[in-house]
C-alpha atoms as a PDB file:
ATOM      1  CA  VAL A   1      14.401  14.034 -55.391  1.00  0.00           C
ATOM      2  CA  LEU A   2      13.000  17.450 -56.294  1.00  0.00           C
ATOM      3  CA  ASP A   3      15.001  20.623 -55.721  1.00  0.00           C
ATOM      4  CA  LEU A   4      12.684  23.615 -56.022  1.00  0.00           C
ATOM      5  CA  ALA A   5      14.379  26.890 -56.911  1.00  0.00           C
ATOM      6  CA  VAL A   6      12.418  30.095 -56.406  1.00  0.00           C
ATOM      7  CA  ASP A   7      12.673  33.100 -58.729  1.00  0.00           C
ATOM      8  CA  PRO A   8      10.997  36.030 -56.924  1.00  0.00           C
ATOM      9  CA  GLU A   9      10.707  38.027 -60.174  1.00  0.00           C
ATOM     10  CA  PRO A  10      10.199  35.673 -63.127  1.00  0.00           C
ATOM     11  CA  PRO A  11       9.993  37.589 -66.425  1.00  0.00           C
ATOM     12  CA  ALA A  12       6.571  36.076 -67.209  1.00  0.00           C
ATOM     13  CA  SER A  13       5.088  37.730 -64.091  1.00  0.00           C
ATOM     14  CA  PHE A  14       5.495  41.117 -65.817  1.00  0.00           C
ATOM     15  CA  MET A  15       3.569  40.058 -68.958  1.00  0.00           C
ATOM     16  CA  LYS A  16      -0.129  40.718 -69.399  1.00  0.00           C
ATOM     17  CA  PHE A  17      -0.807  37.295 -70.988  1.00  0.00           C
ATOM     18  CA  PRO A  18       2.124  35.010 -70.182  1.00  0.00           C
ATOM     19  CA  LYS A  19       2.380  31.491 -71.561  1.00  0.00           C
ATOM     20  CA  LEU A  20       2.260  29.382 -68.433  1.00  0.00           C
ATOM     21  CA  GLN A  21       4.792  26.605 -67.986  1.00  0.00           C
ATOM     22  CA  ARG A  22       4.114  23.132 -66.625  1.00  0.00           C
ATOM     23  CA  LEU A  23       6.432  21.782 -63.928  1.00  0.00           C
ATOM     24  CA  GLU A  24       7.793  18.391 -64.998  1.00  0.00           C
ATOM     25  CA  SER A  25      10.067  16.084 -63.008  1.00  0.00           C
ATOM     26  CA  VAL A  26      10.746  12.515 -64.099  1.00  0.00           C
ATOM     27  CA  LYS A  27      12.703  11.858 -60.881  1.00  0.00           C
ATOM     28  CA  TYR A  28       9.779  12.996 -58.715  1.00  0.00           C
ATOM     29  CA  LEU A  29       7.278  10.875 -60.669  1.00  0.00           C
ATOM     30  CA  GLN A  30       9.543   7.836 -60.264  1.00  0.00           C
ATOM     31  CA  TRP A  31       9.663   8.455 -56.534  1.00  0.00           C
ATOM     32  CA  VAL A  32       5.854   8.885 -56.337  1.00  0.00           C
ATOM     33  CA  LYS A  33       5.426   5.527 -58.104  1.00  0.00           C
ATOM     34  CA  SER A  34       7.690   3.906 -55.496  1.00  0.00           C
ATOM     35  CA  GLN A  35       5.349   4.914 -52.660  1.00  0.00           C
ATOM     36  CA  PRO A  36       2.325   2.905 -51.438  1.00  0.00           C
ATOM     37  CA  CYS A  37      -1.123   3.589 -52.898  1.00  0.00           C
ATOM     38  CA  CYS A  38      -2.799   6.477 -51.040  1.00  0.00           C
ATOM     39  CA  VAL A  39      -6.021   4.463 -50.783  1.00  0.00           C
ATOM     40  CA  CYS A  40      -5.150   0.853 -49.990  1.00  0.00           C
ATOM     41  CA  GLY A  41      -1.416   0.869 -49.230  1.00  0.00           C
ATOM     42  CA  ALA A  42      -0.643  -1.652 -51.988  1.00  0.00           C
ATOM     43  CA  THR A  43       2.293  -1.228 -54.331  1.00  0.00           C
ATOM     44  CA  SER A  44       1.733   1.884 -56.416  1.00  0.00           C
ATOM     45  CA  ASP A  45       1.692   1.476 -60.178  1.00  0.00           C
ATOM     46  CA  ASP A  46       0.913   5.029 -61.211  1.00  0.00           C
ATOM     47  CA  ALA A  47       1.573   8.628 -60.293  1.00  0.00           C
ATOM     48  CA  HIS A  48      -1.941  10.060 -60.677  1.00  0.00           C
ATOM     49  CA  HIS A  49      -2.085  13.694 -61.782  1.00  0.00           C
ATOM     50  CA  ILE A  50      -4.968  15.413 -59.961  1.00  0.00           C
ATOM     51  CA  ILE A  51      -8.004  15.978 -62.199  1.00  0.00           C
ATOM     52  CA  GLY A  52     -10.730  18.525 -61.653  1.00  0.00           C
ATOM     53  CA  TYR A  53     -10.264  21.411 -59.216  1.00  0.00           C
ATOM     54  CA  GLY A  54      -8.938  23.541 -62.078  1.00  0.00           C
ATOM     55  CA  GLN A  55      -6.203  20.994 -62.823  1.00  0.00           C
ATOM     56  CA  GLY A  56      -5.874  19.118 -66.075  1.00  0.00           C
ATOM     57  CA  GLY A  57      -8.496  19.159 -68.782  1.00  0.00           C
ATOM     58  CA  ILE A  58      -8.672  18.328 -72.449  1.00  0.00           C
ATOM     59  CA  GLY A  59      -5.116  18.160 -73.768  1.00  0.00           C
ATOM     60  CA  THR A  60      -3.625  19.360 -70.482  1.00  0.00           C
ATOM     61  CA  LYS A  61      -2.220  17.730 -67.378  1.00  0.00           C
ATOM     62  CA  ALA A  62      -1.592  18.984 -63.854  1.00  0.00           C
ATOM     63  CA  HIS A  63       1.960  19.800 -62.788  1.00  0.00           C
ATOM     64  CA  ASP A  64       3.994  16.725 -61.816  1.00  0.00           C
ATOM     65  CA  LEU A  65       4.070  18.093 -58.266  1.00  0.00           C
ATOM     66  CA  PHE A  66       0.292  17.576 -58.065  1.00  0.00           C
ATOM     67  CA  THR A  67       0.412  13.766 -58.138  1.00  0.00           C
ATOM     68  CA  ILE A  68      -0.483  11.004 -55.709  1.00  0.00           C
ATOM     69  CA  PRO A  69       0.551   7.353 -55.822  1.00  0.00           C
ATOM     70  CA  LEU A  70      -2.254   4.972 -56.768  1.00  0.00           C
ATOM     71  CA  CYS A  71      -2.389   1.270 -57.540  1.00  0.00           C
ATOM     72  CA  ARG A  72      -3.705   0.383 -60.997  1.00  0.00           C
ATOM     73  CA  VAL A  73      -7.153  -0.596 -59.643  1.00  0.00           C
ATOM     74  CA  HIS A  74      -7.781   2.687 -57.803  1.00  0.00           C
ATOM     75  CA  HIS A  75      -6.311   4.743 -60.659  1.00  0.00           C
ATOM     76  CA  SER A  76      -8.629   3.101 -63.206  1.00  0.00           C
ATOM     77  CA  GLU A  77     -11.650   3.496 -60.925  1.00  0.00           C
ATOM     78  CA  LEU A  78     -10.877   7.189 -60.382  1.00  0.00           C
ATOM     79  CA  HIS A  79     -10.760   7.913 -64.112  1.00  0.00           C
ATOM     80  CA  LYS A  80     -14.017   6.006 -64.722  1.00  0.00           C
ATOM     81  CA  ASP A  81     -16.007   7.954 -62.117  1.00  0.00           C
ATOM     82  CA  PRO A  82     -14.119  10.760 -60.317  1.00  0.00           C
ATOM     83  CA  LYS A  83     -17.085  11.942 -58.215  1.00  0.00           C
ATOM     84  CA  GLY A  84     -18.056   8.439 -57.130  1.00  0.00           C
ATOM     85  CA  TRP A  85     -14.429   7.603 -56.412  1.00  0.00           C
ATOM     86  CA  GLU A  86     -14.052  10.664 -54.187  1.00  0.00           C
ATOM     87  CA  GLN A  87     -17.257   9.828 -52.288  1.00  0.00           C
ATOM     88  CA  GLU A  88     -15.831   6.386 -51.535  1.00  0.00           C
ATOM     89  CA  ASN A  89     -12.127   7.176 -51.055  1.00  0.00           C
ATOM     90  CA  GLY A  90     -11.955  10.868 -50.157  1.00  0.00           C
ATOM     91  CA  SER A  91     -11.030  14.050 -51.967  1.00  0.00           C
ATOM     92  CA  GLN A  92      -8.034  14.000 -54.297  1.00  0.00           C
ATOM     93  CA  LEU A  93      -7.009  17.330 -52.780  1.00  0.00           C
ATOM     94  CA  VAL A  94      -6.997  15.998 -49.227  1.00  0.00           C
ATOM     95  CA  LEU A  95      -4.987  12.952 -50.357  1.00  0.00           C
ATOM     96  CA  LEU A  96      -2.594  15.279 -52.208  1.00  0.00           C
ATOM     97  CA  PHE A  97      -2.086  17.528 -49.149  1.00  0.00           C
ATOM     98  CA  LYS A  98      -1.414  14.500 -46.934  1.00  0.00           C
ATOM     99  CA  PHE A  99       0.998  13.059 -49.489  1.00  0.00           C
ATOM    100  CA  LEU A 100       2.838  16.375 -49.958  1.00  0.00           C
ATOM    101  CA  ASP A 101       3.077  16.783 -46.183  1.00  0.00           C
ATOM    102  CA  ARG A 102       4.604  13.294 -45.895  1.00  0.00           C
ATOM    103  CA  SER A 103       6.931  13.979 -48.850  1.00  0.00           C
ATOM    104  CA  ILE A 104       8.193  17.202 -47.280  1.00  0.00           C
ATOM    105  CA  GLY A 105       8.643  15.446 -43.931  1.00  0.00           C
ATOM    106  CA  LEU A 106      10.719  12.729 -45.594  1.00  0.00           C
ATOM    107  CA  GLY A 107      12.993  15.349 -47.186  1.00  0.00           C
ATOM    108  CA  VAL A 108      12.003  14.724 -50.797  1.00  0.00           C
ATOM    109  CA  PHE A 109      12.125  18.439 -51.634  1.00  0.00           C
ATOM    110  CA  GLY A 110      15.691  19.782 -51.582  1.00  0.00           C
END
């Protein structure tokens, strides 16, 4: 689904103030949406981009790689009250690490 190519010397790494790029992958987001909700196991409706933890912000969004599958109910609840949601359902980062580990194990990444 996602073939990651590595450039050990990208030109931007030699610039003092590079314009950072955002990784986007429609195919990966479609696959994330096809997976069960990380919280309840129901059919996932959304690929949730991690918020907080230095990711996202006003007018920005985390890389598509930093997404977890959530049903519409859990996705809406998370955006209403992120701190309360994490107290009840666990850290977005822990859910992301578990989901990435599963994704790698399934062979999603090249």
